[in-house]
Every structure is written in structure tokens, then in C-alpha cells.
Amino acid sequence: MSKFQVSPGVMLREIDGEIVAFDSRVNLIHQLNGIASLIWRLATEGNSPDSIVEAIVAEHDVDRNAVLKDVDEMLVRLQSIGLIRLVLA
């Protein structure tokens, strides 16, 4: 089984429900909006992409297929910029 972890060198602060991540390896700050912050939290708490989708659909009145696409894109984006990484658990 695999799960997402915050990458080494990434420091977090939550401000008004949104995550601000400082990547000390490249001296960049990333501010995530509300939904991106929710995806981040759920992913780094050990939830699978499918359970992240289900949690968002249950909390908001949104189309499951659209959420599935958005969650997949956000997880890929967060990995590609080095904020989270997929590890074997």
C-alpha cells in the first residue's frame, strides 16, 4: 500500500483554512486554495485518491467525475512541484 507524505524540506502553515507551504530546498512559497488545501490534508493523512474524492463529494454538492479529475490533477501537480511524495507504506 502506498500513501502520500509531505516532502522533506517543506514547511507548512495554515492561514484561514488554506495551506501555505514553504519549500526550503528551492526557496519557494506555495499558497493552496481551500479545495487544494483539503486535498493536501486528506492525502497527507493517509487517504487514497478514491477516499479523497468521496470525502469532497460528501462535503460539497459536486459532480463525482469532475472531482475525480480535479483530485488526480492536484495530486500530480503537488508531486511534480515536490511538495508531496508517494511512499510505500
N, C-alpha and C. Protein backbone atom coordinates (compact mmCIF):
# COMPACT_ATOMS: atom_id res chain seq x y z
N MET A 1 0.85 -1.18 0.00
CA MET A 1 0.00 0.00 0.00
C MET A 1 0.89 1.24 0.00
N SER A 2 0.48 2.27 -0.71
CA SER A 2 1.25 3.50 -0.75
C SER A 2 0.44 4.65 -0.18
N LYS A 3 1.16 5.70 0.24
CA LYS A 3 0.48 6.87 0.77
C LYS A 3 1.33 8.09 0.46
N PHE A 4 0.71 9.25 0.62
CA PHE A 4 1.41 10.50 0.36
C PHE A 4 1.99 11.05 1.65
N GLN A 5 3.17 11.65 1.52
CA GLN A 5 3.84 12.32 2.63
C GLN A 5 4.28 13.70 2.18
N VAL A 6 4.37 14.60 3.15
CA VAL A 6 4.96 15.90 2.87
C VAL A 6 6.44 15.65 2.57
N SER A 7 6.93 16.26 1.52
CA SER A 7 8.33 16.08 1.14
C SER A 7 9.26 16.71 2.17
N PRO A 8 10.46 16.13 2.34
CA PRO A 8 11.43 16.73 3.25
C PRO A 8 11.76 18.16 2.79
N GLY A 9 11.92 19.05 3.76
CA GLY A 9 12.25 20.44 3.43
C GLY A 9 11.05 21.32 3.20
N VAL A 10 9.85 20.76 3.27
CA VAL A 10 8.63 21.55 3.08
C VAL A 10 8.03 21.85 4.45
N MET A 11 7.86 23.14 4.71
CA MET A 11 7.27 23.59 5.98
C MET A 11 5.89 24.15 5.70
N LEU A 12 4.96 23.89 6.62
CA LEU A 12 3.57 24.26 6.41
C LEU A 12 3.07 25.24 7.45
N ARG A 13 2.13 26.05 7.03
CA ARG A 13 1.39 26.93 7.92
C ARG A 13 -0.02 27.00 7.36
N GLU A 14 -1.00 26.94 8.23
CA GLU A 14 -2.39 27.07 7.78
C GLU A 14 -2.88 28.45 8.19
N ILE A 15 -3.42 29.17 7.22
CA ILE A 15 -3.93 30.52 7.45
C ILE A 15 -5.34 30.58 6.89
N ASP A 16 -6.30 30.82 7.76
CA ASP A 16 -7.72 30.91 7.36
C ASP A 16 -8.17 29.71 6.55
N GLY A 17 -7.76 28.51 6.95
CA GLY A 17 -8.19 27.28 6.29
C GLY A 17 -7.44 26.93 5.03
N GLU A 18 -6.47 27.76 4.65
CA GLU A 18 -5.69 27.48 3.46
C GLU A 18 -4.24 27.20 3.85
N ILE A 19 -3.62 26.27 3.15
CA ILE A 19 -2.25 25.88 3.44
C ILE A 19 -1.28 26.76 2.66
N VAL A 20 -0.27 27.21 3.38
CA VAL A 20 0.86 27.89 2.77
C VAL A 20 2.05 26.98 3.02
N ALA A 21 2.71 26.58 1.94
CA ALA A 21 3.84 25.66 2.03
C ALA A 21 5.11 26.36 1.56
N PHE A 22 6.12 26.30 2.39
CA PHE A 22 7.44 26.85 2.03
C PHE A 22 8.36 25.69 1.71
N ASP A 23 8.85 25.66 0.49
CA ASP A 23 9.79 24.63 0.07
C ASP A 23 11.20 25.20 0.24
N SER A 24 11.85 24.82 1.34
CA SER A 24 13.16 25.37 1.67
C SER A 24 14.26 24.91 0.70
N ARG A 25 14.00 23.85 -0.04
CA ARG A 25 15.01 23.36 -0.98
C ARG A 25 15.18 24.30 -2.15
N VAL A 26 14.11 25.00 -2.53
CA VAL A 26 14.17 25.91 -3.68
C VAL A 26 13.70 27.32 -3.33
N ASN A 27 13.47 27.57 -2.04
CA ASN A 27 13.04 28.88 -1.56
C ASN A 27 11.79 29.41 -2.27
N LEU A 28 10.78 28.56 -2.36
CA LEU A 28 9.51 28.96 -2.96
C LEU A 28 8.38 28.78 -1.96
N ILE A 29 7.42 29.70 -2.03
CA ILE A 29 6.22 29.62 -1.21
C ILE A 29 5.05 29.30 -2.12
N HIS A 30 4.23 28.35 -1.71
CA HIS A 30 3.04 27.96 -2.46
C HIS A 30 1.83 28.16 -1.57
N GLN A 31 0.83 28.88 -2.07
CA GLN A 31 -0.41 29.05 -1.31
C GLN A 31 -1.50 28.24 -2.01
N LEU A 32 -2.10 27.32 -1.25
CA LEU A 32 -3.15 26.47 -1.81
C LEU A 32 -4.51 27.03 -1.44
N ASN A 33 -5.41 27.02 -2.41
CA ASN A 33 -6.77 27.48 -2.11
C ASN A 33 -7.49 26.45 -1.24
N GLY A 34 -8.74 26.72 -0.90
CA GLY A 34 -9.48 25.87 0.03
C GLY A 34 -9.58 24.41 -0.39
N ILE A 35 -9.96 24.15 -1.63
CA ILE A 35 -10.10 22.76 -2.09
C ILE A 35 -8.74 22.09 -2.22
N ALA A 36 -7.75 22.80 -2.73
CA ALA A 36 -6.40 22.23 -2.83
C ALA A 36 -5.87 21.91 -1.43
N SER A 37 -6.17 22.76 -0.46
CA SER A 37 -5.75 22.51 0.93
C SER A 37 -6.44 21.28 1.49
N LEU A 38 -7.73 21.11 1.17
CA LEU A 38 -8.46 19.93 1.62
C LEU A 38 -7.86 18.67 1.01
N ILE A 39 -7.56 18.69 -0.28
CA ILE A 39 -6.93 17.55 -0.95
C ILE A 39 -5.59 17.25 -0.28
N TRP A 40 -4.80 18.29 -0.02
CA TRP A 40 -3.50 18.12 0.64
C TRP A 40 -3.66 17.43 1.99
N ARG A 41 -4.57 17.98 2.81
CA ARG A 41 -4.78 17.42 4.16
C ARG A 41 -5.17 15.95 4.10
N LEU A 42 -6.16 15.66 3.26
CA LEU A 42 -6.65 14.28 3.17
C LEU A 42 -5.57 13.35 2.64
N ALA A 43 -4.81 13.80 1.66
CA ALA A 43 -3.75 12.96 1.08
C ALA A 43 -2.66 12.68 2.10
N THR A 44 -2.22 13.70 2.82
CA THR A 44 -1.12 13.51 3.76
C THR A 44 -1.57 12.87 5.08
N GLU A 45 -2.88 12.71 5.25
CA GLU A 45 -3.40 11.96 6.40
C GLU A 45 -3.53 10.47 6.07
N GLY A 46 -3.13 10.08 4.87
CA GLY A 46 -3.12 8.67 4.51
C GLY A 46 -4.30 8.20 3.69
N ASN A 47 -5.14 9.11 3.23
CA ASN A 47 -6.30 8.73 2.43
C ASN A 47 -5.91 8.44 0.99
N SER A 48 -6.57 7.49 0.39
CA SER A 48 -6.36 7.16 -1.02
C SER A 48 -7.04 8.22 -1.89
N PRO A 49 -6.64 8.33 -3.15
CA PRO A 49 -7.32 9.27 -4.03
C PRO A 49 -8.84 9.04 -4.09
N ASP A 50 -9.27 7.78 -4.11
CA ASP A 50 -10.72 7.50 -4.13
C ASP A 50 -11.42 7.99 -2.87
N SER A 51 -10.80 7.80 -1.72
CA SER A 51 -11.44 8.27 -0.48
C SER A 51 -11.42 9.79 -0.39
N ILE A 52 -10.42 10.43 -0.99
CA ILE A 52 -10.40 11.89 -1.05
C ILE A 52 -11.58 12.38 -1.88
N VAL A 53 -11.79 11.74 -3.03
CA VAL A 53 -12.92 12.10 -3.89
C VAL A 53 -14.23 11.94 -3.14
N GLU A 54 -14.40 10.81 -2.47
CA GLU A 54 -15.65 10.56 -1.74
C GLU A 54 -15.87 11.59 -0.64
N ALA A 55 -14.81 11.98 0.05
CA ALA A 55 -14.94 12.98 1.13
C ALA A 55 -15.37 14.33 0.57
N ILE A 56 -14.82 14.72 -0.56
CA ILE A 56 -15.18 16.01 -1.17
C ILE A 56 -16.61 15.98 -1.69
N VAL A 57 -16.99 14.88 -2.34
CA VAL A 57 -18.36 14.75 -2.86
C VAL A 57 -19.37 14.77 -1.72
N ALA A 58 -19.03 14.12 -0.60
CA ALA A 58 -19.93 14.09 0.55
C ALA A 58 -20.07 15.46 1.20
N GLU A 59 -18.99 16.25 1.18
CA GLU A 59 -19.00 17.56 1.84
C GLU A 59 -19.59 18.66 0.97
N HIS A 60 -19.43 18.53 -0.34
CA HIS A 60 -19.88 19.56 -1.28
C HIS A 60 -20.83 18.92 -2.29
N ASP A 61 -21.73 19.68 -2.81
CA ASP A 61 -22.67 19.18 -3.81
C ASP A 61 -22.04 19.36 -5.20
N VAL A 62 -21.17 18.40 -5.57
CA VAL A 62 -20.43 18.49 -6.81
C VAL A 62 -20.45 17.16 -7.55
N ASP A 63 -20.15 17.22 -8.84
CA ASP A 63 -20.13 16.05 -9.69
C ASP A 63 -18.91 15.18 -9.38
N ARG A 64 -19.14 13.91 -9.13
CA ARG A 64 -18.05 12.99 -8.76
C ARG A 64 -16.98 12.91 -9.83
N ASN A 65 -17.37 12.86 -11.10
CA ASN A 65 -16.38 12.74 -12.18
C ASN A 65 -15.49 13.98 -12.26
N ALA A 66 -16.07 15.15 -12.05
CA ALA A 66 -15.27 16.38 -12.05
C ALA A 66 -14.31 16.39 -10.88
N VAL A 67 -14.77 15.95 -9.71
CA VAL A 67 -13.91 15.90 -8.53
C VAL A 67 -12.79 14.90 -8.74
N LEU A 68 -13.09 13.75 -9.32
CA LEU A 68 -12.07 12.74 -9.59
C LEU A 68 -10.96 13.31 -10.45
N LYS A 69 -11.33 14.02 -11.49
CA LYS A 69 -10.35 14.65 -12.39
C LYS A 69 -9.52 15.69 -11.63
N ASP A 70 -10.20 16.54 -10.85
CA ASP A 70 -9.51 17.59 -10.10
C ASP A 70 -8.55 17.02 -9.06
N VAL A 71 -8.97 15.99 -8.34
CA VAL A 71 -8.12 15.37 -7.32
C VAL A 71 -6.89 14.75 -7.99
N ASP A 72 -7.10 14.01 -9.07
CA ASP A 72 -5.96 13.41 -9.77
C ASP A 72 -4.98 14.48 -10.24
N GLU A 73 -5.50 15.55 -10.85
CA GLU A 73 -4.63 16.63 -11.35
C GLU A 73 -3.89 17.31 -10.21
N MET A 74 -4.57 17.55 -9.09
CA MET A 74 -3.92 18.22 -7.96
C MET A 74 -2.83 17.35 -7.35
N LEU A 75 -3.08 16.06 -7.19
CA LEU A 75 -2.06 15.16 -6.63
C LEU A 75 -0.84 15.08 -7.53
N VAL A 76 -1.06 15.03 -8.84
CA VAL A 76 0.05 15.02 -9.79
C VAL A 76 0.83 16.34 -9.70
N ARG A 77 0.09 17.44 -9.62
CA ARG A 77 0.73 18.77 -9.53
C ARG A 77 1.56 18.90 -8.25
N LEU A 78 0.98 18.51 -7.11
CA LEU A 78 1.70 18.61 -5.84
C LEU A 78 2.97 17.76 -5.85
N GLN A 79 2.91 16.61 -6.51
CA GLN A 79 4.10 15.75 -6.63
C GLN A 79 5.12 16.37 -7.58
N SER A 80 4.63 16.91 -8.70
CA SER A 80 5.55 17.44 -9.71
C SER A 80 6.33 18.66 -9.22
N ILE A 81 5.73 19.45 -8.32
CA ILE A 81 6.46 20.59 -7.78
C ILE A 81 7.20 20.24 -6.49
N GLY A 82 7.11 18.97 -6.09
CA GLY A 82 7.91 18.46 -5.00
C GLY A 82 7.38 18.72 -3.60
N LEU A 83 6.09 19.05 -3.47
CA LEU A 83 5.54 19.32 -2.14
C LEU A 83 5.14 18.04 -1.40
N ILE A 84 4.70 17.05 -2.15
CA ILE A 84 4.36 15.76 -1.54
C ILE A 84 5.04 14.66 -2.36
N ARG A 85 5.15 13.50 -1.74
CA ARG A 85 5.72 12.37 -2.45
C ARG A 85 4.94 11.11 -2.08
N LEU A 86 4.90 10.19 -2.99
CA LEU A 86 4.23 8.91 -2.80
C LEU A 86 5.25 7.93 -2.24
N VAL A 87 4.92 7.31 -1.11
CA VAL A 87 5.83 6.36 -0.48
C VAL A 87 5.09 5.05 -0.24
N LEU A 88 5.84 3.96 -0.22
CA LEU A 88 5.27 2.67 0.08
C LEU A 88 5.11 2.56 1.59
N ALA A 89 3.93 2.14 2.01
CA ALA A 89 3.67 2.03 3.46
C ALA A 89 3.81 0.60 3.91
